[in-house]
Protein backbone atom coordinates (compact mmCIF):
# COMPACT_ATOMS: atom_id res chain seq x y z
CA MET A 1 0.92 6.64 31.47
CA SER A 2 1.29 8.91 28.46
CA LYS A 3 -0.12 7.85 25.14
CA THR A 4 2.10 7.28 22.10
CA LYS A 5 1.64 10.13 19.64
CA VAL A 6 1.14 8.89 16.06
CA TRP A 7 0.89 11.12 13.00
CA ILE A 8 -0.86 9.55 10.00
CA ILE A 9 -0.08 11.34 6.73
CA GLY A 10 -2.56 10.71 3.92
CA ALA A 11 -5.27 9.93 6.44
CA ASN A 12 -8.13 10.30 3.96
CA GLY A 13 -6.87 7.55 1.66
CA ARG A 14 -7.62 3.82 1.61
CA LEU A 15 -4.95 2.74 4.06
CA GLY A 16 -4.58 5.93 6.08
CA SER A 17 -8.26 6.06 6.97
CA THR A 18 -8.28 2.35 7.82
CA ILE A 19 -5.35 2.75 10.21
CA SER A 20 -6.87 5.86 11.76
CA ASP A 21 -10.18 4.08 12.39
CA ALA A 22 -8.43 1.07 13.91
CA LEU A 23 -6.08 2.81 16.33
CA ASP A 24 -7.29 2.78 19.94
CA ARG A 25 -7.56 6.39 21.15
CA MET A 26 -7.13 5.15 24.72
CA GLU A 27 -3.64 3.94 23.78
CA TYR A 28 -2.59 6.37 21.07
CA ASN A 29 -2.80 10.11 20.56
CA VAL A 30 -3.64 10.10 16.85
CA LEU A 31 -2.88 13.07 14.62
CA THR A 32 -4.13 13.00 11.03
CA SER A 33 -3.44 15.08 7.97
CA ASP A 34 -4.08 14.92 4.26
CA LEU A 35 -3.91 17.83 1.85
CA ASP A 36 -3.90 20.29 4.77
CA VAL A 37 -0.19 19.53 5.28
CA ASP A 38 1.63 19.68 1.94
CA ILE A 39 4.35 17.04 2.17
CA THR A 40 6.02 18.43 -0.95
CA ASP A 41 6.79 21.61 1.02
CA MET A 42 9.59 21.12 3.54
CA ASP A 43 8.57 24.13 5.63
CA SER A 44 5.01 22.83 6.03
CA VAL A 45 6.17 19.37 7.08
CA THR A 46 8.80 20.74 9.46
CA ALA A 47 6.36 23.19 11.06
CA PHE A 48 3.80 20.46 11.77
CA MET A 49 6.50 18.07 13.03
CA ASP A 50 8.03 20.69 15.34
CA MET A 51 4.63 21.62 16.70
CA SER A 52 3.35 18.08 17.31
CA HIS A 53 6.51 16.04 18.05
CA PRO A 54 5.05 12.61 17.19
CA ALA A 55 6.82 9.46 18.33
CA VAL A 56 5.74 7.60 15.18
CA VAL A 57 4.94 8.91 11.70
CA ILE A 58 3.01 6.72 9.25
CA ASN A 59 3.32 8.03 5.71
CA CYS A 60 0.45 6.74 3.59
CA ALA A 61 0.48 9.69 1.20
CA GLY A 62 1.28 9.12 -2.44
CA TYR A 63 0.53 9.95 -6.05
CA ASN A 64 -0.79 6.48 -6.72
CA THR A 65 -2.66 6.64 -10.03
CA HIS A 66 -0.34 4.80 -12.38
CA ASP A 67 -1.47 6.25 -15.69
CA TRP A 68 -1.47 9.78 -14.28
CA ALA A 69 2.08 9.25 -13.05
CA GLU A 70 3.17 8.29 -16.56
CA GLU A 71 1.64 11.50 -17.88
CA ASP A 72 3.00 13.77 -15.14
CA MET A 73 6.45 12.59 -14.03
CA VAL A 74 7.16 15.84 -12.19
CA LYS A 75 4.13 15.51 -9.91
CA ALA A 76 4.78 11.81 -9.30
CA PHE A 77 8.35 12.47 -8.15
CA ARG A 78 7.33 15.61 -6.25
CA VAL A 79 4.87 13.66 -4.10
CA ASN A 80 6.35 10.16 -3.96
CA ALA A 81 10.04 11.10 -3.77
CA ILE A 82 10.40 14.68 -2.51
CA GLY A 83 7.43 14.25 -0.17
CA ALA A 84 9.06 11.15 1.33
CA ARG A 85 12.37 13.03 1.60
CA ASN A 86 10.73 15.87 3.52
CA VAL A 87 8.91 13.55 5.91
CA ALA A 88 12.04 11.47 6.51
CA SER A 89 14.21 14.50 7.23
CA ALA A 90 11.68 16.18 9.52
CA SER A 91 10.87 12.98 11.42
CA ARG A 92 14.56 12.35 12.08
CA LYS A 93 14.94 15.81 13.63
CA VAL A 94 12.33 15.00 16.28
CA GLY A 95 13.54 11.41 16.76
CA ALA A 96 10.36 9.85 15.36
CA LYS A 97 10.11 6.38 13.91
CA LEU A 98 8.94 6.55 10.30
CA ILE A 99 6.70 3.85 8.81
CA HIS A 100 6.69 4.55 5.09
CA MET A 101 4.27 2.80 2.74
CA SER A 102 5.56 1.55 -0.61
CA THR A 103 4.49 -0.83 -3.34
CA ASP A 104 5.16 -3.96 -5.37
CA ASP A 105 5.62 -1.66 -8.37
CA VAL A 106 9.24 -1.04 -7.35
CA PHE A 107 9.82 -4.35 -9.20
CA ASP A 108 9.59 -4.66 -12.98
CA GLY A 109 7.56 -7.88 -12.79
CA GLN A 110 9.59 -9.67 -15.45
CA GLY A 111 10.55 -12.71 -13.33
CA SER A 112 8.49 -15.70 -12.23
CA ALA A 113 9.73 -16.25 -8.67
CA PRO A 114 8.21 -14.61 -5.58
CA LEU A 115 9.93 -11.32 -4.74
CA THR A 116 11.51 -10.87 -1.32
CA GLU A 117 12.86 -7.88 0.57
CA PHE A 118 16.36 -8.93 -0.51
CA ASP A 119 15.70 -8.83 -4.26
CA VAL A 120 16.98 -5.80 -6.14
CA ALA A 121 14.21 -3.37 -7.08
CA THR A 122 14.26 -2.44 -10.78
CA PRO A 123 11.08 -0.50 -11.59
CA ASP A 124 10.09 0.08 -15.19
CA THR A 125 7.30 2.63 -14.70
CA VAL A 126 7.32 6.27 -13.61
CA PHE A 127 5.18 5.36 -10.62
CA GLY A 128 7.51 2.56 -9.54
CA LYS A 129 10.62 4.70 -10.04
CA SER A 130 9.14 7.55 -8.00
CA LYS A 131 8.22 5.17 -5.16
CA LEU A 132 11.70 3.63 -5.15
CA ALA A 133 13.22 7.11 -5.04
CA GLY A 134 11.06 7.79 -1.98
CA GLU A 135 12.29 4.57 -0.36
CA ASN A 136 15.89 5.62 -0.97
CA PHE A 137 15.36 9.00 0.66
CA VAL A 138 13.74 7.35 3.68
CA ARG A 139 16.65 4.93 4.09
CA GLU A 140 19.21 7.70 3.77
CA LEU A 141 17.61 10.32 5.97
CA ASN A 142 15.99 8.52 8.92
CA PRO A 143 17.72 5.47 10.42
CA LYS A 144 14.57 4.71 12.44
CA HIS A 145 12.59 3.70 9.38
CA LEU A 146 10.32 0.87 8.40
CA ILE A 147 9.49 0.63 4.70
CA VAL A 148 6.40 -1.49 4.06
CA ARG A 149 5.69 -2.76 0.54
CA SER A 150 2.27 -4.14 -0.28
CA SER A 151 0.23 -4.99 -3.37
CA TRP A 152 -3.24 -4.49 -4.86
CA VAL A 153 -4.56 -2.84 -1.68
CA TYR A 154 -8.34 -2.53 -1.41
CA ALA A 155 -10.77 -0.92 1.04
CA ARG A 156 -14.22 0.61 1.05
CA GLU A 157 -12.78 4.09 0.53
CA GLY A 158 -11.78 5.14 -2.95
CA SER A 159 -11.52 3.35 -6.26
CA CYS A 160 -9.56 0.11 -6.58
CA PHE A 161 -9.58 -3.12 -8.55
CA VAL A 162 -11.73 -5.07 -6.10
CA ASN A 163 -14.39 -2.37 -5.82
CA SER A 164 -14.45 -2.00 -9.59
CA VAL A 165 -15.12 -5.73 -10.04
CA ILE A 166 -17.87 -5.64 -7.39
CA ARG A 167 -19.55 -2.69 -9.10
CA GLN A 168 -19.43 -4.35 -12.52
CA ALA A 169 -20.69 -7.63 -11.07
CA LYS A 170 -23.75 -5.84 -9.69
CA GLU A 171 -24.36 -4.22 -13.06
CA GLY A 172 -24.19 -7.56 -14.90
CA GLY A 173 -22.50 -8.29 -18.18
CA VAL A 174 -18.86 -9.00 -18.95
CA ILE A 175 -16.17 -7.77 -16.56
CA ARG A 176 -12.91 -6.69 -18.19
CA VAL A 177 -9.68 -7.09 -16.23
CA ALA A 178 -6.00 -6.69 -17.11
CA ALA A 179 -4.44 -9.78 -18.65
CA GLU A 180 -1.53 -11.70 -17.18
CA GLN A 181 -0.89 -9.62 -14.06
CA TYR A 182 0.05 -11.64 -10.98
CA SER A 183 0.33 -10.53 -7.36
CA SER A 184 -1.74 -10.64 -4.16
CA PRO A 185 -4.93 -8.69 -3.43
CA THR A 186 -4.36 -7.20 0.02
CA SER A 187 -7.05 -5.99 2.39
CA ALA A 188 -6.30 -2.55 3.84
CA LYS A 189 -7.79 -3.80 7.11
CA MET A 190 -5.31 -6.69 7.29
CA LEU A 191 -2.44 -4.42 6.28
CA ALA A 192 -3.47 -1.93 8.96
CA ASP A 193 -3.36 -4.70 11.56
CA PHE A 194 0.27 -5.35 10.62
CA ILE A 195 1.13 -1.63 10.72
CA MET A 196 -0.36 -1.32 14.21
CA LYS A 197 1.75 -4.27 15.34
CA MET A 198 4.86 -2.51 14.03
CA ILE A 199 4.20 0.83 15.75
CA ASP A 200 5.61 -0.43 19.04
CA ALA A 201 7.86 -3.16 17.65
CA ASN A 202 11.62 -2.70 17.65
CA GLU A 203 11.78 -3.54 13.94
CA TYR A 204 13.35 -1.52 11.13
CA GLY A 205 14.26 -1.93 7.47
CA ILE A 206 12.07 -3.22 4.63
CA TYR A 207 9.08 -5.51 5.15
CA HIS A 208 6.81 -6.99 2.53
CA ALA A 209 3.22 -7.13 3.76
CA SER A 210 0.80 -8.61 1.26
CA CYS A 211 -1.86 -11.20 1.88
CA GLU A 212 -0.49 -14.72 1.44
CA GLY A 213 -0.73 -16.44 -1.93
CA CYS A 214 -0.54 -15.34 -5.54
CA CYS A 215 -3.23 -14.99 -8.21
CA SER A 216 -3.91 -13.30 -11.50
CA ARG A 217 -6.35 -10.42 -11.90
CA VAL A 218 -8.66 -12.88 -13.64
CA GLU A 219 -8.51 -15.36 -10.76
CA ALA A 220 -9.15 -12.58 -8.25
CA ALA A 221 -12.19 -11.39 -10.20
CA GLU A 222 -13.56 -14.93 -10.43
CA GLU A 223 -13.17 -15.35 -6.66
CA ILE A 224 -14.99 -12.08 -6.03
CA LEU A 225 -17.92 -13.24 -8.15
CA ARG A 226 -18.08 -16.59 -6.34
CA LEU A 227 -18.07 -14.83 -2.97
CA MET A 228 -20.93 -12.66 -4.22
CA GLY A 229 -22.88 -15.80 -5.09
CA GLN A 230 -22.45 -15.38 -8.84
CA ASP A 231 -21.19 -17.87 -11.41
CA PRO A 232 -17.97 -16.48 -12.97
CA THR A 233 -18.22 -18.71 -16.07
CA GLY A 234 -18.04 -16.52 -19.16
CA ARG A 235 -18.17 -13.32 -17.09
CA ILE A 236 -14.48 -12.35 -17.17
CA GLU A 237 -12.63 -11.02 -20.19
CA ALA A 238 -8.85 -10.50 -20.03
CA VAL A 239 -7.80 -7.34 -21.86
CA PRO A 240 -4.44 -5.58 -22.38
CA SER A 241 -3.19 -3.65 -19.38
CA GLU A 242 -3.16 0.16 -19.29
CA SER A 243 0.35 0.09 -20.75
CA GLY A 244 -0.93 -1.92 -23.70
CA LYS A 245 1.45 -4.77 -22.90
CA ASN A 246 0.27 -8.38 -22.88
CA SER A 247 3.50 -9.85 -21.48
CA PRO A 248 3.16 -11.51 -18.05
CA ARG A 249 3.85 -9.22 -15.11
CA ASN A 250 4.59 -10.89 -11.79
CA THR A 251 4.97 -8.69 -8.70
CA PHE A 252 4.06 -11.35 -6.15
CA LEU A 253 5.65 -10.33 -2.85
CA ARG A 254 6.86 -12.97 -0.42
CA ASN A 255 6.74 -11.74 3.18
CA LEU A 256 10.16 -13.16 3.95
CA MET A 257 11.04 -10.78 6.78
CA MET A 258 7.84 -11.80 8.57
CA GLU A 259 8.88 -15.42 8.19
CA VAL A 260 12.42 -14.74 9.40
CA THR A 261 11.43 -12.69 12.45
CA GLY A 262 8.20 -14.53 13.22
CA ILE A 263 6.68 -11.20 14.21
CA TYR A 264 3.48 -11.50 12.17
CA ARG A 265 1.68 -13.47 9.50
CA MET A 266 -0.70 -12.09 6.92
CA PRO A 267 -3.87 -14.06 6.10
CA ARG A 268 -4.49 -15.85 2.79
CA TRP A 269 -5.82 -13.46 0.18
CA GLN A 270 -8.93 -15.63 -0.28
CA ASP A 271 -9.77 -15.45 3.45
CA ALA A 272 -9.27 -11.68 3.58
CA MET A 273 -11.40 -11.24 0.46
CA LYS A 274 -14.17 -13.39 1.94
CA GLU A 275 -14.26 -11.27 5.09
CA TYR A 276 -14.34 -8.08 3.03
CA ILE A 277 -17.22 -9.25 0.84
CA GLN A 278 -19.18 -10.45 3.88
CA GLU A 279 -18.73 -7.08 5.60
CA LEU A 280 -19.99 -5.30 2.49
CA ARG A 281 -23.00 -7.63 2.38
CA VAL A 282 -23.09 -7.54 -1.41
């Protein structure tokens, strides 16, 4: 029996590396790339696709630093939109299923209700707009697509909110976190488990895939401290977000398509966080 060939783009990042580590090489023929295949160059993407002919492409690549995206709109759209366009077009030519990773930032966060796959995306940042443009290209160019939106993803690799809080907790003193931001911290390991489920599933369209439950950045930081055996009282200071705005921002994703199809269920964010902290042994 031949193994399913899977190409992971952005394999050195938080999610890409987690998926790559988790995939069983006895079941899958795993191809990985990062900066060695420039997704902003159509010829490079097409050449690799034509040479390898994967059955499934998982696009984890992205220009994901929010403040950098605001400063360099051209690069953000080149990677997040044109890169997605190139991957979608090339994957369609070889008949590959495309699993494309997106974000809660495609929503402006101005409402109070949980956001489902059927809510209209109205981003208000360069990063969010570039990711939505990428989604649109994927939908238009490859009918065999699965767009996966997640939120506040954390893993051992790279910098992220959770790792920043852990580092500051070890150092002692006051930990400063963005005020009035609400969503769901999502373990890359748990997200990878869902992605692996979807590789062979006959499912397409948009799926939200965040850990269950909603919290603020402050509440998440307090939970991290408790899991580390520290008292969070007086340790957390809410400060203005990078944009300088203090208005509430809610990008809590409800995994409605998972509920409707019954295909999967993400764990509670507190349970995933507990497992992560225990594995780190901090």
